[in-house]
Amino acid sequence: MGKTDDSTSLKSTPLIEAERQVESFRQVREAHRMELVEDYVELISDLLADGGEARQVDIATRLGVAQPTVAKMLRRLARDGWVVQRPYRGVFLTPEGEALAHASRQRHQTVERFLLALGVDADTARRDAEGIEHHVSEQTLALFEAFVRKAEGEAP
């Protein structure tokens, strides 16, 4: 008996049309661009809800980055209309920022509940959801939600 090469036993998938591939990569790039924005506004919302303020130092600590990195991102978020910075009072979300934080939190919770329903342990589900939430379509999220409801015995 000869030794089998695992790489030859894998079936290759046919190359998709160029336009479809371009659209797929465009969606991924857009998701990457928005990922940081969503992480920041969601964290700011959480800090405001927990302690009534979102300070640059707290954001840096929780994200594990330097304060100048946070300062640069906060300027970008302010420029794009997601946050308002008030001297000596911290950072606040605009109505658009609040809406984005809410939507991001809902996506995260849906993905996390889906992973838990699959049997993933709680810590891994939380960490994995943090990355996955930014890269799933609305259609996929709806199916995740339907799966979770069915697994939990709820009506769809």
Protein backbone atom coordinates (compact mmCIF):
# COMPACT_ATOMS: atom_id res chain seq x y z
CA MET A 1 0.00 0.00 0.00
CA GLY A 2 1.31 3.37 -0.93
CA LYS A 3 1.27 6.45 1.19
CA THR A 4 -1.55 8.84 0.29
CA ASP A 5 -0.97 12.53 -0.12
CA ASP A 6 -3.68 14.44 1.75
CA SER A 7 -3.29 17.45 -0.53
CA THR A 8 -4.41 15.43 -3.56
CA SER A 9 -7.44 14.01 -1.78
CA LEU A 10 -8.92 17.47 -1.24
CA LYS A 11 -11.30 18.54 -3.96
CA SER A 12 -10.56 21.93 -5.37
CA THR A 13 -13.43 24.31 -5.83
CA PRO A 14 -13.89 25.92 -9.21
CA LEU A 15 -12.76 29.51 -9.58
CA ILE A 16 -15.73 31.86 -9.28
CA GLU A 17 -16.52 34.65 -11.71
CA ALA A 18 -14.23 37.66 -11.37
CA GLU A 19 -17.10 40.05 -10.59
CA ARG A 20 -18.34 37.85 -7.74
CA GLN A 21 -14.83 37.53 -6.34
CA VAL A 22 -14.31 41.30 -6.52
CA GLU A 23 -17.55 41.84 -4.61
CA SER A 24 -16.52 39.29 -1.96
CA PHE A 25 -13.18 41.01 -1.39
CA ARG A 26 -14.84 44.43 -1.37
CA GLN A 27 -17.22 43.28 1.36
CA VAL A 28 -14.33 41.93 3.44
CA ARG A 29 -12.38 45.20 3.10
CA GLU A 30 -15.46 47.19 4.14
CA ALA A 31 -16.00 44.89 7.13
CA HIS A 32 -12.37 45.40 8.17
CA ARG A 33 -12.75 49.17 7.83
CA MET A 34 -15.85 49.23 10.02
CA GLU A 35 -14.57 46.67 12.53
CA LEU A 36 -12.53 49.19 14.54
CA VAL A 37 -15.29 51.79 14.38
CA GLU A 38 -17.82 49.29 15.73
CA ASP A 39 -15.47 48.06 18.46
CA TYR A 40 -14.82 51.62 19.65
CA VAL A 41 -18.45 52.78 19.67
CA GLU A 42 -19.60 49.59 21.38
CA LEU A 43 -16.93 49.96 24.08
CA ILE A 44 -17.74 53.65 24.55
CA SER A 45 -21.41 52.75 24.94
CA ASP A 46 -20.54 50.07 27.51
CA LEU A 47 -18.31 52.46 29.49
CA LEU A 48 -21.00 55.15 29.49
CA ALA A 49 -23.63 52.65 30.66
CA ASP A 50 -21.37 51.22 33.36
CA GLY A 51 -19.80 54.33 34.85
CA GLY A 52 -21.37 57.32 33.17
CA GLU A 53 -18.18 58.29 31.35
CA ALA A 54 -15.86 57.06 28.63
CA ARG A 55 -12.36 58.38 29.12
CA GLN A 56 -9.51 57.97 26.66
CA VAL A 57 -7.39 56.19 29.28
CA ASP A 58 -10.16 53.64 29.96
CA ILE A 59 -10.66 52.98 26.26
CA ALA A 60 -6.91 52.44 25.81
CA THR A 61 -6.76 50.08 28.79
CA ARG A 62 -9.69 47.95 27.64
CA LEU A 63 -8.51 47.75 24.03
CA GLY A 64 -4.89 47.12 25.03
CA VAL A 65 -3.54 49.99 22.95
CA ALA A 66 -1.64 53.20 23.67
CA GLN A 67 -3.50 56.44 24.43
CA PRO A 68 -2.16 58.18 21.29
CA THR A 69 -3.72 55.37 19.23
CA VAL A 70 -7.06 56.01 20.94
CA ALA A 71 -6.71 59.78 20.48
CA LYS A 72 -6.17 59.32 16.74
CA MET A 73 -9.16 56.99 16.42
CA LEU A 74 -11.39 59.31 18.47
CA ARG A 75 -10.55 62.18 16.11
CA ARG A 76 -11.57 59.95 13.20
CA LEU A 77 -14.79 58.92 14.95
CA ALA A 78 -15.60 62.56 15.70
CA ARG A 79 -14.86 63.57 12.11
CA ASP A 80 -17.17 60.83 10.84
CA GLY A 81 -19.99 61.80 13.21
CA TRP A 82 -19.95 58.81 15.58
CA VAL A 83 -18.73 60.57 18.75
CA VAL A 84 -18.41 63.97 20.40
CA GLN A 85 -15.44 64.77 22.60
CA ARG A 86 -15.88 67.24 25.43
CA PRO A 87 -12.81 68.63 27.21
CA TYR A 88 -12.51 67.25 30.75
CA ARG A 89 -15.73 65.26 30.26
CA GLY A 90 -14.68 62.40 28.01
CA VAL A 91 -16.30 60.95 24.93
CA PHE A 92 -19.99 60.68 24.11
CA LEU A 93 -21.81 58.94 21.29
CA THR A 94 -23.90 60.83 18.78
CA PRO A 95 -27.32 59.36 17.95
CA GLU A 96 -25.65 57.68 14.95
CA GLY A 97 -22.95 56.29 17.24
CA GLU A 98 -25.58 54.96 19.64
CA ALA A 99 -27.41 53.25 16.79
CA LEU A 100 -24.20 51.67 15.51
CA ALA A 101 -23.23 50.50 19.01
CA HIS A 102 -26.69 48.97 19.48
CA ALA A 103 -26.57 47.16 16.13
CA SER A 104 -23.04 45.91 16.79
CA ARG A 105 -23.99 44.65 20.24
CA GLN A 106 -27.02 42.82 18.82
CA ARG A 107 -24.87 41.17 16.13
CA HIS A 108 -22.33 40.13 18.76
CA GLN A 109 -25.02 38.63 20.99
CA THR A 110 -26.60 36.74 18.08
CA VAL A 111 -23.25 35.25 17.02
CA GLU A 112 -22.31 34.40 20.61
CA ARG A 113 -25.67 32.71 21.27
CA PHE A 114 -25.28 30.75 18.01
CA LEU A 115 -21.82 29.52 19.02
CA LEU A 116 -23.09 28.57 22.48
CA ALA A 117 -25.98 26.64 20.88
CA LEU A 118 -23.40 24.71 18.84
CA GLY A 119 -21.67 23.70 22.07
CA VAL A 120 -18.74 26.13 22.05
CA ASP A 121 -17.65 26.99 25.60
CA ALA A 122 -18.65 30.45 26.88
CA ASP A 123 -15.19 32.04 26.87
CA THR A 124 -14.35 30.83 23.37
CA ALA A 125 -17.80 31.84 22.09
CA ARG A 126 -17.34 35.37 23.47
CA ARG A 127 -13.89 35.74 21.89
CA ASP A 128 -14.86 34.20 18.55
CA ALA A 129 -18.03 36.28 18.33
CA GLU A 130 -15.87 39.41 18.66
CA GLY A 131 -14.28 38.66 15.31
CA ILE A 132 -17.13 36.96 13.49
CA GLU A 133 -19.75 39.63 14.24
CA HIS A 134 -18.14 42.07 11.80
CA HIS A 135 -18.01 39.66 8.88
CA VAL A 136 -21.45 38.06 8.58
CA SER A 137 -24.27 39.17 6.34
CA GLU A 138 -27.75 40.05 7.52
CA GLN A 139 -28.99 36.84 5.89
CA THR A 140 -26.47 34.76 7.87
CA LEU A 141 -27.36 36.58 11.10
CA ALA A 142 -31.04 35.89 10.54
CA LEU A 143 -30.28 32.19 10.07
CA PHE A 144 -28.09 32.18 13.21
CA GLU A 145 -30.99 33.73 15.13
CA ALA A 146 -33.49 31.20 13.75
CA PHE A 147 -31.14 28.35 14.67
CA VAL A 148 -30.75 29.66 18.21
CA ARG A 149 -34.50 30.12 18.66
CA LYS A 150 -35.13 26.59 17.46
CA ALA A 151 -32.37 25.22 19.71
CA GLU A 152 -33.85 27.10 22.67
CA GLY A 153 -37.37 25.91 21.84
CA GLU A 154 -38.68 29.37 20.93
CA ALA A 155 -41.04 30.13 18.09
CA PRO A 156 -39.26 31.46 14.98
